[in-house]
Amino acid sequence: MFVAMGAGGFAGRAERELHATGEQVRKRTTDTPVQLTARETQIARLAADGQSNPEIAAQLFMSPRTVEYHLHKVFTKLAISSRHQLYGVLVGHRNEKPRRDPLARVRPEADGPAR
């Protein structure tokens, strides 16, 4: 992080101090895995199936504004801006071998019966 900011001297010092305490320096990457929550996954799938926010809200017993909030978070995490793109992401991840599947963490249909 310090090197990226042009502060290589601080990076070296921080690394030496970590080694002195017995800690290991982790290599940082900018590639962070996308993980949707269970609710985000559920709402994303319903939206990709063509349901409107009020329809999703009624089905999940929440307000349309709450659905909008979750969809905004999904769009941000998946770096998309429309439901059409959402459908493409979901279909694309269903048809390929899982690599960094944003939906792999949560599979509502595998959770068993609803409680």
PDB file of N, CA and C in Angstrom:
ATOM      1  N   MET A   1       0.833  -1.181   0.000  1.00  0.00           N
ATOM      2  CA  MET A   1       0.000   0.000   0.000  1.00  0.00           C
ATOM      3  C   MET A   1       0.880   1.248   0.000  1.00  0.00           C
ATOM      4  N   PHE A   2       1.919   1.258   0.844  1.00  0.00           N
ATOM      5  CA  PHE A   2       2.788   2.430   0.884  1.00  0.00           C
ATOM      6  C   PHE A   2       3.512   2.627  -0.443  1.00  0.00           C
ATOM      7  N   VAL A   3       3.949   1.526  -1.058  1.00  0.00           N
ATOM      8  CA  VAL A   3       4.663   1.618  -2.328  1.00  0.00           C
ATOM      9  C   VAL A   3       3.759   2.222  -3.392  1.00  0.00           C
ATOM     10  N   ALA A   4       2.491   1.785  -3.423  1.00  0.00           N
ATOM     11  CA  ALA A   4       1.544   2.302  -4.405  1.00  0.00           C
ATOM     12  C   ALA A   4       1.322   3.801  -4.227  1.00  0.00           C
ATOM     13  N   MET A   5       1.492   4.282  -3.019  1.00  0.00           N
ATOM     14  CA  MET A   5       1.300   5.710  -2.751  1.00  0.00           C
ATOM     15  C   MET A   5       2.597   6.490  -2.930  1.00  0.00           C
ATOM     16  N   GLY A   6       3.684   5.795  -3.307  1.00  0.00           N
ATOM     17  CA  GLY A   6       4.962   6.474  -3.494  1.00  0.00           C
ATOM     18  C   GLY A   6       5.745   6.641  -2.214  1.00  0.00           C
ATOM     19  N   ALA A   7       5.441   5.844  -1.205  1.00  0.00           N
ATOM     20  CA  ALA A   7       6.130   5.932   0.080  1.00  0.00           C
ATOM     21  C   ALA A   7       6.874   4.625   0.354  1.00  0.00           C
ATOM     22  N   GLY A   8       7.810   4.281  -0.541  1.00  0.00           N
ATOM     23  CA  GLY A   8       8.556   3.031  -0.430  1.00  0.00           C
ATOM     24  C   GLY A   8       9.343   2.916   0.865  1.00  0.00           C
ATOM     25  N   GLY A   9       9.868   4.036   1.363  1.00  0.00           N
ATOM     26  CA  GLY A   9      10.622   4.024   2.615  1.00  0.00           C
ATOM     27  C   GLY A   9       9.766   3.556   3.790  1.00  0.00           C
ATOM     28  N   PHE A  10       8.543   4.031   3.835  1.00  0.00           N
ATOM     29  CA  PHE A  10       7.631   3.601   4.897  1.00  0.00           C
ATOM     30  C   PHE A  10       7.277   2.122   4.753  1.00  0.00           C
ATOM     31  N   ALA A  11       7.167   1.665   3.519  1.00  0.00           N
ATOM     32  CA  ALA A  11       6.855   0.253   3.276  1.00  0.00           C
ATOM     33  C   ALA A  11       7.972  -0.630   3.822  1.00  0.00           C
ATOM     34  N   GLY A  12       9.206  -0.256   3.550  1.00  0.00           N
ATOM     35  CA  GLY A  12      10.349  -1.024   4.055  1.00  0.00           C
ATOM     36  C   GLY A  12      10.394  -1.038   5.572  1.00  0.00           C
ATOM     37  N   ARG A  13      10.158   0.106   6.175  1.00  0.00           N
ATOM     38  CA  ARG A  13      10.167   0.197   7.641  1.00  0.00           C
ATOM     39  C   ARG A  13       9.051  -0.651   8.250  1.00  0.00           C
ATOM     40  N   ALA A  14       7.856  -0.563   7.676  1.00  0.00           N
ATOM     41  CA  ALA A  14       6.733  -1.347   8.187  1.00  0.00           C
ATOM     42  C   ALA A  14       7.027  -2.836   8.051  1.00  0.00           C
ATOM     43  N   GLU A  15       7.630  -3.243   6.948  1.00  0.00           N
ATOM     44  CA  GLU A  15       7.968  -4.651   6.750  1.00  0.00           C
ATOM     45  C   GLU A  15       8.988  -5.122   7.784  1.00  0.00           C
ATOM     46  N   ARG A  16      10.006  -4.309   8.034  1.00  0.00           N
ATOM     47  CA  ARG A  16      11.022  -4.677   9.041  1.00  0.00           C
ATOM     48  C   ARG A  16      10.399  -4.791  10.429  1.00  0.00           C
ATOM     49  N   GLU A  17       9.524  -3.873  10.770  1.00  0.00           N
ATOM     50  CA  GLU A  17       8.904  -3.917  12.094  1.00  0.00           C
ATOM     51  C   GLU A  17       7.984  -5.133  12.231  1.00  0.00           C
ATOM     52  N   LEU A  18       7.290  -5.480  11.179  1.00  0.00           N
ATOM     53  CA  LEU A  18       6.458  -6.687  11.222  1.00  0.00           C
ATOM     54  C   LEU A  18       7.317  -7.930  11.413  1.00  0.00           C
ATOM     55  N   HIS A  19       8.434  -8.009  10.688  1.00  0.00           N
ATOM     56  CA  HIS A  19       9.329  -9.160  10.834  1.00  0.00           C
ATOM     57  C   HIS A  19       9.895  -9.236  12.246  1.00  0.00           C
ATOM     58  N   ALA A  20      10.177  -8.078  12.838  1.00  0.00           N
ATOM     59  CA  ALA A  20      10.717  -8.054  14.201  1.00  0.00           C
ATOM     60  C   ALA A  20       9.724  -8.612  15.209  1.00  0.00           C
ATOM     61  N   THR A  21       8.448  -8.476  14.932  1.00  0.00           N
ATOM     62  CA  THR A  21       7.430  -9.007  15.841  1.00  0.00           C
ATOM     63  C   THR A  21       7.068 -10.447  15.518  1.00  0.00           C
ATOM     64  N   GLY A  22       7.651 -10.987  14.433  1.00  0.00           N
ATOM     65  CA  GLY A  22       7.371 -12.361  14.061  1.00  0.00           C
ATOM     66  C   GLY A  22       6.212 -12.512  13.094  1.00  0.00           C
ATOM     67  N   GLU A  23       5.662 -11.412  12.658  1.00  0.00           N
ATOM     68  CA  GLU A  23       4.539 -11.456  11.715  1.00  0.00           C
ATOM     69  C   GLU A  23       5.051 -11.599  10.292  1.00  0.00           C
ATOM     70  N   GLN A  24       4.176 -12.072   9.427  1.00  0.00           N
ATOM     71  CA  GLN A  24       4.493 -12.212   8.013  1.00  0.00           C
ATOM     72  C   GLN A  24       3.845 -11.075   7.237  1.00  0.00           C
ATOM     73  N   VAL A  25       4.512 -10.626   6.215  1.00  0.00           N
ATOM     74  CA  VAL A  25       3.963  -9.591   5.349  1.00  0.00           C
ATOM     75  C   VAL A  25       3.145 -10.272   4.265  1.00  0.00           C
ATOM     76  N   ARG A  26       1.888  -9.885   4.180  1.00  0.00           N
ATOM     77  CA  ARG A  26       1.019 -10.441   3.138  1.00  0.00           C
ATOM     78  C   ARG A  26       1.183  -9.650   1.863  1.00  0.00           C
ATOM     79  N   LYS A  27       1.097 -10.354   0.754  1.00  0.00           N
ATOM     80  CA  LYS A  27       1.069  -9.674  -0.539  1.00  0.00           C
ATOM     81  C   LYS A  27      -0.358  -9.209  -0.768  1.00  0.00           C
ATOM     82  N   ARG A  28      -0.508  -7.945  -1.055  1.00  0.00           N
ATOM     83  CA  ARG A  28      -1.841  -7.389  -1.281  1.00  0.00           C
ATOM     84  C   ARG A  28      -2.179  -7.458  -2.752  1.00  0.00           C
ATOM     85  N   THR A  29      -3.427  -7.755  -3.018  1.00  0.00           N
ATOM     86  CA  THR A  29      -3.907  -7.736  -4.393  1.00  0.00           C
ATOM     87  C   THR A  29      -5.122  -6.833  -4.461  1.00  0.00           C
ATOM     88  N   THR A  30      -5.349  -6.299  -5.619  1.00  0.00           N
ATOM     89  CA  THR A  30      -6.539  -5.458  -5.806  1.00  0.00           C
ATOM     90  C   THR A  30      -7.724  -6.307  -6.215  1.00  0.00           C
ATOM     91  N   ASP A  31      -7.487  -7.585  -6.442  1.00  0.00           N
ATOM     92  CA  ASP A  31      -8.542  -8.504  -6.869  1.00  0.00           C
ATOM     93  C   ASP A  31      -9.267  -9.050  -5.648  1.00  0.00           C
ATOM     94  N   THR A  32     -10.411  -8.464  -5.326  1.00  0.00           N
ATOM     95  CA  THR A  32     -11.185  -8.938  -4.192  1.00  0.00           C
ATOM     96  C   THR A  32     -12.364  -9.752  -4.698  1.00  0.00           C
ATOM     97  N   PRO A  33     -12.612 -10.900  -4.100  1.00  0.00           N
ATOM     98  CA  PRO A  33     -13.723 -11.718  -4.579  1.00  0.00           C
ATOM     99  C   PRO A  33     -15.066 -11.054  -4.275  1.00  0.00           C
ATOM    100  N   VAL A  34     -15.981 -11.192  -5.193  1.00  0.00           N
ATOM    101  CA  VAL A  34     -17.321 -10.642  -5.035  1.00  0.00           C
ATOM    102  C   VAL A  34     -18.164 -11.674  -4.302  1.00  0.00           C
ATOM    103  N   GLN A  35     -18.754 -11.262  -3.201  1.00  0.00           N
ATOM    104  CA  GLN A  35     -19.616 -12.173  -2.464  1.00  0.00           C
ATOM    105  C   GLN A  35     -20.913 -11.455  -2.127  1.00  0.00           C
ATOM    106  N   LEU A  36     -21.993 -12.048  -2.572  1.00  0.00           N
ATOM    107  CA  LEU A  36     -23.307 -11.502  -2.270  1.00  0.00           C
ATOM    108  C   LEU A  36     -23.853 -12.187  -1.032  1.00  0.00           C
ATOM    109  N   THR A  37     -24.621 -11.435  -0.247  1.00  0.00           N
ATOM    110  CA  THR A  37     -25.282 -12.033   0.904  1.00  0.00           C
ATOM    111  C   THR A  37     -26.425 -12.915   0.409  1.00  0.00           C
ATOM    112  N   ALA A  38     -26.982 -13.691   1.302  1.00  0.00           N
ATOM    113  CA  ALA A  38     -28.104 -14.568   0.936  1.00  0.00           C
ATOM    114  C   ALA A  38     -29.272 -13.747   0.401  1.00  0.00           C
ATOM    115  N   ARG A  39     -29.581 -12.645   1.063  1.00  0.00           N
ATOM    116  CA  ARG A  39     -30.706 -11.805   0.634  1.00  0.00           C
ATOM    117  C   ARG A  39     -30.416 -11.159  -0.705  1.00  0.00           C
ATOM    118  N   GLU A  40     -29.189 -10.672  -0.900  1.00  0.00           N
ATOM    119  CA  GLU A  40     -28.826 -10.064  -2.178  1.00  0.00           C
ATOM    120  C   GLU A  40     -28.947 -11.088  -3.317  1.00  0.00           C
ATOM    121  N   THR A  41     -28.507 -12.297  -3.066  1.00  0.00           N
ATOM    122  CA  THR A  41     -28.589 -13.358  -4.070  1.00  0.00           C
ATOM    123  C   THR A  41     -30.040 -13.655  -4.421  1.00  0.00           C
ATOM    124  N   GLN A  42     -30.871 -13.762  -3.396  1.00  0.00           N
ATOM    125  CA  GLN A  42     -32.286 -14.059  -3.599  1.00  0.00           C
ATOM    126  C   GLN A  42     -32.953 -12.960  -4.425  1.00  0.00           C
ATOM    127  N   ILE A  43     -32.715 -11.724  -4.067  1.00  0.00           N
ATOM    128  CA  ILE A  43     -33.317 -10.598  -4.772  1.00  0.00           C
ATOM    129  C   ILE A  43     -32.762 -10.484  -6.184  1.00  0.00           C
ATOM    130  N   ALA A  44     -31.471 -10.715  -6.349  1.00  0.00           N
ATOM    131  CA  ALA A  44     -30.858 -10.647  -7.680  1.00  0.00           C
ATOM    132  C   ALA A  44     -31.476 -11.678  -8.617  1.00  0.00           C
ATOM    133  N   ARG A  45     -31.696 -12.867  -8.122  1.00  0.00           N
ATOM    134  CA  ARG A  45     -32.289 -13.908  -8.971  1.00  0.00           C
ATOM    135  C   ARG A  45     -33.727 -13.574  -9.357  1.00  0.00           C
ATOM    136  N   LEU A  46     -34.486 -13.039  -8.413  1.00  0.00           N
ATOM    137  CA  LEU A  46     -35.866 -12.658  -8.719  1.00  0.00           C
ATOM    138  C   LEU A  46     -35.899 -11.511  -9.728  1.00  0.00           C
ATOM    139  N   ALA A  47     -35.006 -10.542  -9.560  1.00  0.00           N
ATOM    140  CA  ALA A  47     -34.943  -9.415 -10.495  1.00  0.00           C
ATOM    141  C   ALA A  47     -34.511  -9.902 -11.879  1.00  0.00           C
ATOM    142  N   ALA A  48     -33.563 -10.825 -11.917  1.00  0.00           N
ATOM    143  CA  ALA A  48     -33.099 -11.362 -13.202  1.00  0.00           C
ATOM    144  C   ALA A  48     -34.189 -12.164 -13.893  1.00  0.00           C
ATOM    145  N   ASP A  49     -35.111 -12.716 -13.120  1.00  0.00           N
ATOM    146  CA  ASP A  49     -36.240 -13.461 -13.694  1.00  0.00           C
ATOM    147  C   ASP A  49     -37.334 -12.536 -14.208  1.00  0.00           C
ATOM    148  N   GLY A  50     -37.139 -11.227 -14.070  1.00  0.00           N
ATOM    149  CA  GLY A  50     -38.079 -10.271 -14.646  1.00  0.00           C
ATOM    150  C   GLY A  50     -39.085  -9.677 -13.686  1.00  0.00           C
ATOM    151  N   GLN A  51     -38.979  -9.983 -12.401  1.00  0.00           N
ATOM    152  CA  GLN A  51     -39.935  -9.421 -11.441  1.00  0.00           C
ATOM    153  C   GLN A  51     -39.579  -7.975 -11.122  1.00  0.00           C
ATOM    154  N   SER A  52     -40.604  -7.171 -10.892  1.00  0.00           N
ATOM    155  CA  SER A  52     -40.397  -5.768 -10.529  1.00  0.00           C
ATOM    156  C   SER A  52     -40.096  -5.671  -9.034  1.00  0.00           C
ATOM    157  N   ASN A  53     -39.631  -4.506  -8.620  1.00  0.00           N
ATOM    158  CA  ASN A  53     -39.341  -4.304  -7.194  1.00  0.00           C
ATOM    159  C   ASN A  53     -40.578  -4.538  -6.320  1.00  0.00           C
ATOM    160  N   PRO A  54     -41.757  -3.999  -6.694  1.00  0.00           N
ATOM    161  CA  PRO A  54     -42.946  -4.269  -5.868  1.00  0.00           C
ATOM    162  C   PRO A  54     -43.301  -5.764  -5.821  1.00  0.00           C
ATOM    163  N   GLU A  55     -43.122  -6.474  -6.930  1.00  0.00           N
ATOM    164  CA  GLU A  55     -43.414  -7.911  -6.945  1.00  0.00           C
ATOM    165  C   GLU A  55     -42.451  -8.676  -6.036  1.00  0.00           C
ATOM    166  N   ILE A  56     -41.174  -8.317  -6.113  1.00  0.00           N
ATOM    167  CA  ILE A  56     -40.176  -8.962  -5.251  1.00  0.00           C
ATOM    168  C   ILE A  56     -40.482  -8.645  -3.798  1.00  0.00           C
ATOM    169  N   ALA A  57     -40.815  -7.389  -3.524  1.00  0.00           N
ATOM    170  CA  ALA A  57     -41.114  -6.961  -2.153  1.00  0.00           C
ATOM    171  C   ALA A  57     -42.284  -7.745  -1.576  1.00  0.00           C
ATOM    172  N   ALA A  58     -43.342  -7.903  -2.366  1.00  0.00           N
ATOM    173  CA  ALA A  58     -44.515  -8.632  -1.884  1.00  0.00           C
ATOM    174  C   ALA A  58     -44.165 -10.091  -1.606  1.00  0.00           C
ATOM    175  N   GLN A  59     -43.368 -10.675  -2.466  1.00  0.00           N
ATOM    176  CA  GLN A  59     -43.004 -12.081  -2.299  1.00  0.00           C
ATOM    177  C   GLN A  59     -42.122 -12.307  -1.074  1.00  0.00           C
ATOM    178  N   LEU A  60     -41.268 -11.325  -0.758  1.00  0.00           N
ATOM    179  CA  LEU A  60     -40.321 -11.478   0.351  1.00  0.00           C
ATOM    180  C   LEU A  60     -40.755 -10.736   1.614  1.00  0.00           C
ATOM    181  N   PHE A  61     -41.952 -10.166   1.597  1.00  0.00           N
ATOM    182  CA  PHE A  61     -42.499  -9.454   2.756  1.00  0.00           C
ATOM    183  C   PHE A  61     -41.586  -8.315   3.217  1.00  0.00           C
ATOM    184  N   MET A  62     -41.258  -7.456   2.273  1.00  0.00           N
ATOM    185  CA  MET A  62     -40.455  -6.270   2.578  1.00  0.00           C
ATOM    186  C   MET A  62     -40.945  -5.133   1.707  1.00  0.00           C
ATOM    187  N   SER A  63     -40.409  -3.951   1.910  1.00  0.00           N
ATOM    188  CA  SER A  63     -40.846  -2.801   1.119  1.00  0.00           C
ATOM    189  C   SER A  63     -40.098  -2.768  -0.212  1.00  0.00           C
ATOM    190  N   PRO A  64     -40.717  -2.160  -1.222  1.00  0.00           N
ATOM    191  CA  PRO A  64     -40.026  -1.997  -2.500  1.00  0.00           C
ATOM    192  C   PRO A  64     -38.723  -1.206  -2.351  1.00  0.00           C
ATOM    193  N   ARG A  65     -38.697  -0.281  -1.408  1.00  0.00           N
ATOM    194  CA  ARG A  65     -37.476   0.511  -1.159  1.00  0.00           C
ATOM    195  C   ARG A  65     -36.352  -0.379  -0.645  1.00  0.00           C
ATOM    196  N   THR A  66     -36.665  -1.370   0.170  1.00  0.00           N
ATOM    197  CA  THR A  66     -35.652  -2.304   0.671  1.00  0.00           C
ATOM    198  C   THR A  66     -35.111  -3.147  -0.478  1.00  0.00           C
ATOM    199  N   VAL A  67     -35.976  -3.555  -1.388  1.00  0.00           N
ATOM    200  CA  VAL A  67     -35.542  -4.301  -2.572  1.00  0.00           C
ATOM    201  C   VAL A  67     -34.594  -3.430  -3.392  1.00  0.00           C
ATOM    202  N   GLU A  68     -34.965  -2.168  -3.577  1.00  0.00           N
ATOM    203  CA  GLU A  68     -34.124  -1.226  -4.324  1.00  0.00           C
ATOM    204  C   GLU A  68     -32.744  -1.102  -3.665  1.00  0.00           C
ATOM    205  N   TYR A  69     -32.723  -1.019  -2.346  1.00  0.00           N
ATOM    206  CA  TYR A  69     -31.472  -0.916  -1.598  1.00  0.00           C
ATOM    207  C   TYR A  69     -30.579  -2.134  -1.873  1.00  0.00           C
ATOM    208  N   HIS A  70     -31.157  -3.325  -1.770  1.00  0.00           N
ATOM    209  CA  HIS A  70     -30.375  -4.543  -1.996  1.00  0.00           C
ATOM    210  C   HIS A  70     -29.893  -4.638  -3.444  1.00  0.00           C
ATOM    211  N   LEU A  71     -30.738  -4.268  -4.391  1.00  0.00           N
ATOM    212  CA  LEU A  71     -30.326  -4.307  -5.794  1.00  0.00           C
ATOM    213  C   LEU A  71     -29.193  -3.321  -6.062  1.00  0.00           C
ATOM    214  N   HIS A  72     -29.242  -2.168  -5.434  1.00  0.00           N
ATOM    215  CA  HIS A  72     -28.155  -1.195  -5.577  1.00  0.00           C
ATOM    216  C   HIS A  72     -26.839  -1.810  -5.096  1.00  0.00           C
ATOM    217  N   LYS A  73     -26.879  -2.501  -3.971  1.00  0.00           N
ATOM    218  CA  LYS A  73     -25.675  -3.153  -3.452  1.00  0.00           C
ATOM    219  C   LYS A  73     -25.194  -4.245  -4.399  1.00  0.00           C
ATOM    220  N   VAL A  74     -26.115  -5.014  -4.974  1.00  0.00           N
ATOM    221  CA  VAL A  74     -25.764  -6.072  -5.929  1.00  0.00           C
ATOM    222  C   VAL A  74     -25.108  -5.455  -7.160  1.00  0.00           C
ATOM    223  N   PHE A  75     -25.723  -4.407  -7.702  1.00  0.00           N
ATOM    224  CA  PHE A  75     -25.173  -3.760  -8.891  1.00  0.00           C
ATOM    225  C   PHE A  75     -23.767  -3.242  -8.621  1.00  0.00           C
ATOM    226  N   THR A  76     -23.561  -2.665  -7.457  1.00  0.00           N
ATOM    227  CA  THR A  76     -22.246  -2.147  -7.104  1.00  0.00           C
ATOM    228  C   THR A  76     -21.227  -3.277  -6.994  1.00  0.00           C
ATOM    229  N   LYS A  77     -21.581  -4.343  -6.292  1.00  0.00           N
ATOM    230  CA  LYS A  77     -20.654  -5.462  -6.104  1.00  0.00           C
ATOM    231  C   LYS A  77     -20.302  -6.141  -7.420  1.00  0.00           C
ATOM    232  N   LEU A  78     -21.267  -6.236  -8.326  1.00  0.00           N
ATOM    233  CA  LEU A  78     -21.034  -6.916  -9.598  1.00  0.00           C
ATOM    234  C   LEU A  78     -20.565  -5.957 -10.696  1.00  0.00           C
ATOM    235  N   ALA A  79     -20.446  -4.681 -10.361  1.00  0.00           N
ATOM    236  CA  ALA A  79     -19.997  -3.644 -11.299  1.00  0.00           C
ATOM    237  C   ALA A  79     -20.878  -3.598 -12.551  1.00  0.00           C
ATOM    238  N   ILE A  80     -22.182  -3.582 -12.318  1.00  0.00           N
ATOM    239  CA  ILE A  80     -23.149  -3.487 -13.413  1.00  0.00           C
ATOM    240  C   ILE A  80     -24.104  -2.343 -13.105  1.00  0.00           C
ATOM    241  N   SER A  81     -24.941  -1.993 -14.099  1.00  0.00           N
ATOM    242  CA  SER A  81     -25.841  -0.868 -13.878  1.00  0.00           C
ATOM    243  C   SER A  81     -27.270  -1.115 -14.338  1.00  0.00           C
ATOM    244  N   SER A  82     -27.590  -2.341 -14.759  1.00  0.00           N
ATOM    245  CA  SER A  82     -28.961  -2.588 -15.210  1.00  0.00           C
ATOM    246  C   SER A  82     -29.381  -4.025 -14.925  1.00  0.00           C
ATOM    247  N   ARG A  83     -30.687  -4.239 -14.954  1.00  0.00           N
ATOM    248  CA  ARG A  83     -31.214  -5.596 -14.762  1.00  0.00           C
ATOM    249  C   ARG A  83     -30.823  -6.503 -15.922  1.00  0.00           C
ATOM    250  N   HIS A  84     -30.726  -5.928 -17.107  1.00  0.00           N
ATOM    251  CA  HIS A  84     -30.304  -6.723 -18.266  1.00  0.00           C
ATOM    252  C   HIS A  84     -28.892  -7.272 -18.029  1.00  0.00           C
ATOM    253  N   GLN A  85     -27.997  -6.438 -17.515  1.00  0.00           N
ATOM    254  CA  GLN A  85     -26.643  -6.891 -17.200  1.00  0.00           C
ATOM    255  C   GLN A  85     -26.675  -7.919 -16.070  1.00  0.00           C
ATOM    256  N   LEU A  86     -27.570  -7.736 -15.113  1.00  0.00           N
ATOM    257  CA  LEU A  86     -27.715  -8.677 -14.006  1.00  0.00           C
ATOM    258  C   LEU A  86     -28.078 -10.051 -14.546  1.00  0.00           C
ATOM    259  N   TYR A  87     -29.025 -10.083 -15.464  1.00  0.00           N
ATOM    260  CA  TYR A  87     -29.415 -11.354 -16.083  1.00  0.00           C
ATOM    261  C   TYR A  87     -28.213 -11.997 -16.768  1.00  0.00           C
ATOM    262  N   GLY A  88     -27.440 -11.198 -17.496  1.00  0.00           N
ATOM    263  CA  GLY A  88     -26.258 -11.718 -18.176  1.00  0.00           C
ATOM    264  C   GLY A  88     -25.231 -12.289 -17.218  1.00  0.00           C
ATOM    265  N   VAL A  89     -25.020 -11.622 -16.096  1.00  0.00           N
ATOM    266  CA  VAL A  89     -24.060 -12.111 -15.100  1.00  0.00           C
ATOM    267  C   VAL A  89     -24.549 -13.420 -14.498  1.00  0.00           C
ATOM    268  N   LEU A  90     -25.814 -13.477 -14.135  1.00  0.00           N
ATOM    269  CA  LEU A  90     -26.344 -14.688 -13.513  1.00  0.00           C
ATOM    270  C   LEU A  90     -26.355 -15.860 -14.486  1.00  0.00           C
ATOM    271  N   VAL A  91     -26.761 -15.631 -15.720  1.00  0.00           N
ATOM    272  CA  VAL A  91     -26.787 -16.702 -16.717  1.00  0.00           C
ATOM    273  C   VAL A  91     -25.361 -17.138 -17.033  1.00  0.00           C
ATOM    274  N   GLY A  92     -24.466 -16.184 -17.162  1.00  0.00           N
ATOM    275  CA  GLY A  92     -23.073 -16.507 -17.451  1.00  0.00           C
ATOM    276  C   GLY A  92     -22.447 -17.369 -16.384  1.00  0.00           C
ATOM    277  N   HIS A  93     -22.785 -17.115 -15.136  1.00  0.00           N
ATOM    278  CA  HIS A  93     -22.208 -17.887 -14.036  1.00  0.00           C
ATOM    279  C   HIS A  93     -22.866 -19.242 -13.876  1.00  0.00           C
ATOM    280  N   ARG A  94     -24.064 -19.406 -14.385  1.00  0.00           N
ATOM    281  CA  ARG A  94     -24.715 -20.718 -14.304  1.00  0.00           C
ATOM    282  C   ARG A  94     -24.172 -21.663 -15.367  1.00  0.00           C
ATOM    283  N   ASN A  95     -23.672 -21.101 -16.486  1.00  0.00           N
ATOM    284  CA  ASN A  95     -23.253 -21.931 -17.610  1.00  0.00           C
ATOM    285  C   ASN A  95     -21.765 -22.236 -17.655  1.00  0.00           C
ATOM    286  N   GLU A  96     -20.972 -21.634 -16.799  1.00  0.00           N
ATOM    287  CA  GLU A  96     -19.540 -21.901 -16.822  1.00  0.00           C
ATOM    288  C   GLU A  96     -19.110 -22.562 -15.531  1.00  0.00           C
ATOM    289  N   LYS A  97     -17.934 -23.167 -15.565  1.00  0.00           N
ATOM    290  CA  LYS A  97     -17.412 -23.791 -14.355  1.00  0.00           C
ATOM    291  C   LYS A  97     -17.143 -22.701 -13.331  1.00  0.00           C
ATOM    292  N   PRO A  98     -17.456 -22.941 -12.061  1.00  0.00           N
ATOM    293  CA  PRO A  98     -17.242 -21.909 -11.051  1.00  0.00           C
ATOM    294  C   PRO A  98     -15.774 -21.534 -10.948  1.00  0.00           C
ATOM    295  N   ARG A  99     -15.507 -20.254 -11.048  1.00  0.00           N
ATOM    296  CA  ARG A  99     -14.171 -19.735 -10.888  1.00  0.00           C
ATOM    297  C   ARG A  99     -14.208 -18.803  -9.695  1.00  0.00           C
ATOM    298  N   ARG A 100     -14.723 -17.646  -9.897  1.00  0.00           N
ATOM    299  CA  ARG A 100     -14.977 -16.703  -8.826  1.00  0.00           C
ATOM    300  C   ARG A 100     -16.436 -16.328  -8.899  1.00  0.00           C
ATOM    301  N   ASP A 101     -17.296 -17.301  -8.819  1.00  0.00           N
ATOM    302  CA  ASP A 101     -18.730 -17.098  -8.960  1.00  0.00           C
ATOM    303  C   ASP A 101     -19.246 -16.246  -7.814  1.00  0.00           C
ATOM    304  N   PRO A 102     -19.778 -15.038  -8.076  1.00  0.00           N
ATOM    305  CA  PRO A 102     -20.272 -14.202  -6.995  1.00  0.00           C
ATOM    306  C   PRO A 102     -21.451 -14.821  -6.267  1.00  0.00           C
ATOM    307  N   LEU A 103     -22.084 -15.813  -6.877  1.00  0.00           N
ATOM    308  CA  LEU A 103     -23.238 -16.441  -6.257  1.00  0.00           C
ATOM    309  C   LEU A 103     -22.875 -17.776  -5.613  1.00  0.00           C
ATOM    310  N   ALA A 104     -21.613 -18.171  -5.671  1.00  0.00           N
ATOM    311  CA  ALA A 104     -21.206 -19.484  -5.175  1.00  0.00           C
ATOM    312  C   ALA A 104     -21.340 -19.580  -3.658  1.00  0.00           C
ATOM    313  N   ARG A 105     -21.166 -18.491  -2.960  1.00  0.00           N
ATOM    314  CA  ARG A 105     -21.209 -18.531  -1.506  1.00  0.00           C
ATOM    315  C   ARG A 105     -22.598 -18.866  -0.989  1.00  0.00           C
ATOM    316  N   VAL A 106     -23.611 -18.431  -1.708  1.00  0.00           N
ATOM    317  CA  VAL A 106     -24.979 -18.602  -1.244  1.00  0.00           C
ATOM    318  C   VAL A 106     -25.802 -19.257  -2.337  1.00  0.00           C
ATOM    319  N   ARG A 107     -26.370 -20.377  -2.045  1.00  0.00           N
ATOM    320  CA  ARG A 107     -27.261 -21.076  -2.964  1.00  0.00           C
ATOM    321  C   ARG A 107     -28.564 -21.348  -2.218  1.00  0.00           C
ATOM    322  N   PRO A 108     -29.550 -20.436  -2.308  1.00  0.00           N
ATOM    323  CA  PRO A 108     -30.796 -20.608  -1.545  1.00  0.00           C
ATOM    324  C   PRO A 108     -31.475 -21.941  -1.791  1.00  0.00           C
ATOM    325  N   GLU A 109     -31.430 -22.470  -3.021  1.00  0.00           N
ATOM    326  CA  GLU A 109     -32.103 -23.709  -3.288  1.00  0.00           C
ATOM    327  C   GLU A 109     -31.435 -24.888  -2.592  1.00  0.00           C
ATOM    328  N   ALA A 110     -30.194 -24.735  -2.154  1.00  0.00           N
ATOM    329  CA  ALA A 110     -29.486 -25.812  -1.466  1.00  0.00           C
ATOM    330  C   ALA A 110     -29.672 -25.744   0.050  1.00  0.00           C
ATOM    331  N   ASP A 111     -30.340 -24.701   0.518  1.00  0.00           N
ATOM    332  CA  ASP A 111     -30.512 -24.519   1.960  1.00  0.00           C
ATOM    333  C   ASP A 111     -31.585 -25.428   2.547  1.00  0.00           C
ATOM    334  N   GLY A 112     -32.372 -26.056   1.710  1.00  0.00           N
ATOM    335  CA  GLY A 112     -33.443 -26.895   2.216  1.00  0.00           C
ATOM    336  C   GLY A 112     -34.737 -26.119   2.345  1.00  0.00           C
ATOM    337  N   PRO A 113     -35.700 -26.673   3.063  1.00  0.00           N
ATOM    338  CA  PRO A 113     -37.016 -26.016   3.174  1.00  0.00           C
ATOM    339  C   PRO A 113     -36.925 -24.711   3.941  1.00  0.00           C
ATOM    340  N   ALA A 114     -37.794 -23.797   3.561  1.00  0.00           N
ATOM    341  CA  ALA A 114     -37.858 -22.505   4.252  1.00  0.00           C
ATOM    342  C   ALA A 114     -38.336 -22.706   5.673  1.00  0.00           C
ATOM    343  N   ARG A 115     -37.839 -21.865   6.547  1.00  0.00           N
ATOM    344  CA  ARG A 115     -38.229 -21.981   7.971  1.00  0.00           C
ATOM    345  C   ARG A 115     -39.260 -20.976   8.315  1.00  0.00           C
TER     346      ARG A 115
END
